[in-house]
Amino acid sequence: MFHHWLKMLPSCPTCGLRFDRGEHGYYLGAIWINLLLAESLAMAVIFTVIVRAWPTPPWDTLAWTAPLEALVSPFILFPFSKTLFLAFDLGIRPLTPKDFGP
């Protein structure tokens, strides 16, 4: 049930633009952006908690919540990463008629 919330449609319901432009390994860029976003978010949260709670940061709480965040955030951020990579790709490589489909 939860995986349906994270699943992206294969194409835009309005214009029909496919989110996968049909190249082998197209997801590699989206995975790279996903890693960048997820790890940046995890480090920002950890740093913020340590700075705001200084001089007595909650080390025990961080010890179990930080790895949990690092494991969960890539799954939540993947649709956004895929969309960001598509926007980057569209800026580099123009649309063709084969990019639109069912």
N, C-alpha and C. Protein backbone atom coordinates (compact mmCIF):
# COMPACT_ATOMS: atom_id res chain seq x y z
N MET A 1 0.81 -1.18 0.00
CA MET A 1 0.00 0.00 0.00
C MET A 1 0.87 1.26 0.00
N PHE A 2 1.94 1.27 0.78
CA PHE A 2 2.80 2.44 0.87
C PHE A 2 3.56 2.67 -0.44
N HIS A 3 3.90 1.59 -1.15
CA HIS A 3 4.67 1.76 -2.38
C HIS A 3 3.89 2.46 -3.47
N HIS A 4 2.55 2.44 -3.44
CA HIS A 4 1.76 3.15 -4.43
C HIS A 4 1.90 4.66 -4.26
N TRP A 5 2.13 5.10 -3.04
CA TRP A 5 2.30 6.53 -2.79
C TRP A 5 3.61 7.03 -3.38
N LEU A 6 4.64 6.19 -3.39
CA LEU A 6 5.94 6.58 -3.88
C LEU A 6 6.11 6.35 -5.38
N LYS A 7 5.22 5.62 -5.99
CA LYS A 7 5.36 5.27 -7.39
C LYS A 7 4.96 6.45 -8.28
N MET A 8 5.78 6.72 -9.29
CA MET A 8 5.47 7.78 -10.25
C MET A 8 4.73 7.20 -11.43
N LEU A 9 3.92 8.02 -12.04
CA LEU A 9 3.27 7.62 -13.28
C LEU A 9 4.32 7.54 -14.38
N PRO A 10 4.10 6.73 -15.42
CA PRO A 10 5.10 6.63 -16.48
C PRO A 10 5.19 7.89 -17.34
N SER A 11 4.10 8.67 -17.38
CA SER A 11 4.11 9.90 -18.18
C SER A 11 3.20 10.93 -17.53
N CYS A 12 3.36 12.17 -17.97
CA CYS A 12 2.55 13.27 -17.44
C CYS A 12 1.10 13.09 -17.88
N PRO A 13 0.14 13.14 -16.95
CA PRO A 13 -1.25 12.96 -17.35
C PRO A 13 -1.79 14.11 -18.18
N THR A 14 -1.15 15.28 -18.15
CA THR A 14 -1.64 16.44 -18.89
C THR A 14 -1.09 16.48 -20.32
N CYS A 15 0.25 16.42 -20.44
CA CYS A 15 0.86 16.60 -21.77
C CYS A 15 1.35 15.29 -22.39
N GLY A 16 1.46 14.23 -21.60
CA GLY A 16 1.91 12.94 -22.13
C GLY A 16 3.41 12.76 -22.19
N LEU A 17 4.19 13.71 -21.65
CA LEU A 17 5.64 13.58 -21.64
C LEU A 17 6.05 12.39 -20.78
N ARG A 18 6.83 11.49 -21.38
CA ARG A 18 7.30 10.33 -20.62
C ARG A 18 8.39 10.77 -19.67
N PHE A 19 8.36 10.25 -18.44
CA PHE A 19 9.36 10.59 -17.45
C PHE A 19 10.66 9.83 -17.66
N ASP A 20 10.61 8.77 -18.43
CA ASP A 20 11.80 8.02 -18.81
C ASP A 20 11.99 8.26 -20.31
N ARG A 21 13.05 8.91 -20.69
CA ARG A 21 13.22 9.31 -22.09
C ARG A 21 13.76 8.19 -22.97
N GLY A 22 13.71 6.97 -22.49
CA GLY A 22 13.97 5.82 -23.34
C GLY A 22 15.41 5.41 -23.54
N GLU A 23 16.34 5.94 -22.79
CA GLU A 23 17.73 5.55 -22.93
C GLU A 23 18.11 4.53 -21.86
N HIS A 24 19.00 3.64 -22.21
CA HIS A 24 19.49 2.66 -21.25
C HIS A 24 20.29 3.38 -20.17
N GLY A 25 19.99 3.13 -18.92
CA GLY A 25 20.70 3.77 -17.82
C GLY A 25 20.21 5.18 -17.51
N TYR A 26 19.03 5.53 -17.96
CA TYR A 26 18.51 6.89 -17.75
C TYR A 26 18.36 7.21 -16.27
N TYR A 27 18.10 6.21 -15.46
CA TYR A 27 17.89 6.43 -14.03
C TYR A 27 19.18 6.76 -13.28
N LEU A 28 20.32 6.57 -13.89
CA LEU A 28 21.58 6.83 -13.20
C LEU A 28 21.68 8.29 -12.74
N GLY A 29 21.28 9.22 -13.58
CA GLY A 29 21.30 10.63 -13.19
C GLY A 29 20.34 10.91 -12.06
N ALA A 30 19.15 10.31 -12.11
CA ALA A 30 18.17 10.50 -11.04
C ALA A 30 18.66 9.89 -9.73
N ILE A 31 19.35 8.76 -9.81
CA ILE A 31 19.89 8.13 -8.61
C ILE A 31 21.00 9.01 -8.01
N TRP A 32 21.83 9.59 -8.87
CA TRP A 32 22.89 10.47 -8.39
C TRP A 32 22.30 11.69 -7.68
N ILE A 33 21.28 12.32 -8.28
CA ILE A 33 20.63 13.47 -7.64
C ILE A 33 19.96 13.04 -6.35
N ASN A 34 19.37 11.86 -6.34
CA ASN A 34 18.72 11.34 -5.14
C ASN A 34 19.73 11.17 -4.00
N LEU A 35 20.87 10.60 -4.31
CA LEU A 35 21.92 10.44 -3.31
C LEU A 35 22.38 11.79 -2.77
N LEU A 36 22.58 12.74 -3.66
CA LEU A 36 23.00 14.08 -3.27
C LEU A 36 21.97 14.73 -2.35
N LEU A 37 20.69 14.67 -2.72
CA LEU A 37 19.64 15.29 -1.91
C LEU A 37 19.48 14.59 -0.56
N ALA A 38 19.44 13.26 -0.57
CA ALA A 38 19.21 12.51 0.66
C ALA A 38 20.34 12.69 1.66
N GLU A 39 21.56 12.61 1.20
CA GLU A 39 22.70 12.76 2.11
C GLU A 39 22.83 14.21 2.59
N SER A 40 22.55 15.16 1.73
CA SER A 40 22.59 16.57 2.14
C SER A 40 21.53 16.86 3.20
N LEU A 41 20.34 16.30 3.01
CA LEU A 41 19.28 16.48 3.99
C LEU A 41 19.66 15.85 5.33
N ALA A 42 20.19 14.65 5.29
CA ALA A 42 20.59 13.97 6.53
C ALA A 42 21.67 14.76 7.26
N MET A 43 22.67 15.23 6.54
CA MET A 43 23.74 15.99 7.18
C MET A 43 23.24 17.33 7.72
N ALA A 44 22.32 17.98 7.00
CA ALA A 44 21.78 19.26 7.45
C ALA A 44 20.98 19.08 8.74
N VAL A 45 20.19 18.01 8.81
CA VAL A 45 19.39 17.76 10.02
C VAL A 45 20.32 17.46 11.20
N ILE A 46 21.30 16.61 10.99
CA ILE A 46 22.23 16.26 12.07
C ILE A 46 22.97 17.50 12.56
N PHE A 47 23.50 18.27 11.63
CA PHE A 47 24.24 19.48 11.99
C PHE A 47 23.35 20.47 12.74
N THR A 48 22.11 20.65 12.26
CA THR A 48 21.19 21.58 12.91
C THR A 48 20.86 21.13 14.33
N VAL A 49 20.61 19.85 14.52
CA VAL A 49 20.29 19.35 15.86
C VAL A 49 21.49 19.54 16.80
N ILE A 50 22.68 19.25 16.32
CA ILE A 50 23.87 19.40 17.17
C ILE A 50 24.10 20.86 17.54
N VAL A 51 23.98 21.75 16.57
CA VAL A 51 24.22 23.18 16.83
C VAL A 51 23.17 23.76 17.77
N ARG A 52 21.91 23.41 17.54
CA ARG A 52 20.83 23.98 18.38
C ARG A 52 20.83 23.41 19.79
N ALA A 53 21.30 22.18 19.95
CA ALA A 53 21.28 21.56 21.27
C ALA A 53 22.62 21.70 22.00
N TRP A 54 23.58 22.35 21.38
CA TRP A 54 24.90 22.48 22.01
C TRP A 54 24.79 23.21 23.32
N PRO A 55 25.41 22.82 24.37
CA PRO A 55 26.55 21.93 24.55
C PRO A 55 26.16 20.49 24.90
N THR A 56 24.88 20.16 24.93
CA THR A 56 24.49 18.79 25.27
C THR A 56 23.61 18.19 24.17
N PRO A 57 24.19 17.88 23.01
CA PRO A 57 23.39 17.29 21.94
C PRO A 57 22.85 15.92 22.35
N PRO A 58 21.70 15.54 21.82
CA PRO A 58 21.12 14.24 22.17
C PRO A 58 21.78 13.11 21.35
N TRP A 59 22.96 12.71 21.75
CA TRP A 59 23.74 11.73 20.99
C TRP A 59 23.00 10.40 20.84
N ASP A 60 22.33 9.96 21.90
CA ASP A 60 21.61 8.68 21.82
C ASP A 60 20.48 8.75 20.78
N THR A 61 19.76 9.83 20.80
CA THR A 61 18.67 10.00 19.83
C THR A 61 19.22 10.09 18.41
N LEU A 62 20.27 10.84 18.23
CA LEU A 62 20.89 10.96 16.90
C LEU A 62 21.44 9.62 16.42
N ALA A 63 21.91 8.80 17.33
CA ALA A 63 22.51 7.52 16.95
C ALA A 63 21.50 6.57 16.30
N TRP A 64 20.22 6.70 16.61
CA TRP A 64 19.25 5.81 15.96
C TRP A 64 18.36 6.54 14.96
N THR A 65 18.18 7.85 15.09
CA THR A 65 17.34 8.55 14.11
C THR A 65 18.10 8.92 12.84
N ALA A 66 19.38 9.25 12.94
CA ALA A 66 20.15 9.63 11.75
C ALA A 66 20.25 8.48 10.74
N PRO A 67 20.59 7.26 11.14
CA PRO A 67 20.60 6.16 10.16
C PRO A 67 19.21 5.87 9.60
N LEU A 68 18.19 6.01 10.44
CA LEU A 68 16.83 5.79 9.95
C LEU A 68 16.47 6.82 8.89
N GLU A 69 16.82 8.06 9.13
CA GLU A 69 16.56 9.10 8.13
C GLU A 69 17.35 8.84 6.85
N ALA A 70 18.59 8.42 6.99
CA ALA A 70 19.42 8.13 5.82
C ALA A 70 18.87 6.96 5.00
N LEU A 71 18.15 6.06 5.65
CA LEU A 71 17.55 4.93 4.93
C LEU A 71 16.19 5.28 4.31
N VAL A 72 15.41 6.11 4.95
CA VAL A 72 14.05 6.42 4.49
C VAL A 72 14.03 7.54 3.47
N SER A 73 14.85 8.57 3.65
CA SER A 73 14.77 9.75 2.79
C SER A 73 15.02 9.47 1.30
N PRO A 74 15.90 8.55 0.90
CA PRO A 74 16.04 8.30 -0.54
C PRO A 74 14.75 7.79 -1.18
N PHE A 75 13.97 7.01 -0.47
CA PHE A 75 12.71 6.51 -1.02
C PHE A 75 11.68 7.63 -1.17
N ILE A 76 11.67 8.53 -0.23
CA ILE A 76 10.71 9.64 -0.28
C ILE A 76 11.14 10.66 -1.33
N LEU A 77 12.42 10.89 -1.49
CA LEU A 77 12.93 11.91 -2.40
C LEU A 77 13.08 11.45 -3.84
N PHE A 78 12.96 10.16 -4.12
CA PHE A 78 13.23 9.69 -5.48
C PHE A 78 12.32 10.30 -6.54
N PRO A 79 11.00 10.44 -6.32
CA PRO A 79 10.20 11.08 -7.36
C PRO A 79 10.66 12.51 -7.66
N PHE A 80 11.07 13.24 -6.64
CA PHE A 80 11.55 14.60 -6.85
C PHE A 80 12.90 14.59 -7.57
N SER A 81 13.75 13.64 -7.24
CA SER A 81 15.05 13.52 -7.90
C SER A 81 14.87 13.17 -9.37
N LYS A 82 13.95 12.30 -9.65
CA LYS A 82 13.68 11.91 -11.04
C LYS A 82 13.16 13.10 -11.84
N THR A 83 12.31 13.90 -11.23
CA THR A 83 11.78 15.08 -11.89
C THR A 83 12.87 16.13 -12.11
N LEU A 84 13.74 16.32 -11.11
CA LEU A 84 14.85 17.26 -11.27
C LEU A 84 15.80 16.82 -12.38
N PHE A 85 16.07 15.53 -12.46
CA PHE A 85 16.96 15.05 -13.52
C PHE A 85 16.30 15.22 -14.88
N LEU A 86 15.01 14.99 -14.97
CA LEU A 86 14.29 15.19 -16.22
C LEU A 86 14.37 16.66 -16.65
N ALA A 87 14.21 17.58 -15.70
CA ALA A 87 14.33 19.01 -16.01
C ALA A 87 15.73 19.35 -16.51
N PHE A 88 16.75 18.80 -15.85
CA PHE A 88 18.13 19.01 -16.29
C PHE A 88 18.33 18.44 -17.70
N ASP A 89 17.82 17.24 -17.94
CA ASP A 89 17.97 16.60 -19.24
C ASP A 89 17.25 17.38 -20.33
N LEU A 90 16.08 17.92 -20.02
CA LEU A 90 15.34 18.71 -20.99
C LEU A 90 16.07 20.01 -21.32
N GLY A 91 16.84 20.54 -20.38
CA GLY A 91 17.63 21.73 -20.65
C GLY A 91 18.81 21.45 -21.56
N ILE A 92 19.31 20.22 -21.55
CA ILE A 92 20.46 19.84 -22.36
C ILE A 92 20.03 19.31 -23.73
N ARG A 93 19.03 18.44 -23.71
CA ARG A 93 18.61 17.73 -24.92
C ARG A 93 17.16 18.08 -25.22
N PRO A 94 16.87 18.69 -26.36
CA PRO A 94 15.50 19.11 -26.66
C PRO A 94 14.54 17.93 -26.82
N LEU A 95 13.27 18.23 -26.70
CA LEU A 95 12.23 17.22 -26.84
C LEU A 95 12.15 16.71 -28.28
N THR A 96 11.78 15.46 -28.41
CA THR A 96 11.50 14.86 -29.73
C THR A 96 10.11 14.24 -29.66
N PRO A 97 9.51 13.93 -30.78
CA PRO A 97 8.17 13.32 -30.76
C PRO A 97 8.12 11.99 -30.00
N LYS A 98 9.22 11.25 -29.97
CA LYS A 98 9.20 9.95 -29.26
C LYS A 98 9.20 10.10 -27.75
N ASP A 99 9.42 11.33 -27.24
CA ASP A 99 9.38 11.57 -25.80
C ASP A 99 7.95 11.62 -25.26
N PHE A 100 6.99 11.69 -26.15
CA PHE A 100 5.58 11.71 -25.74
C PHE A 100 4.99 10.34 -26.04
N GLY A 101 4.26 9.81 -25.08
CA GLY A 101 3.68 8.48 -25.28
C GLY A 101 2.58 8.23 -24.28
N PRO A 102 2.10 7.01 -24.27
CA PRO A 102 1.00 6.68 -23.35
C PRO A 102 1.44 6.71 -21.90
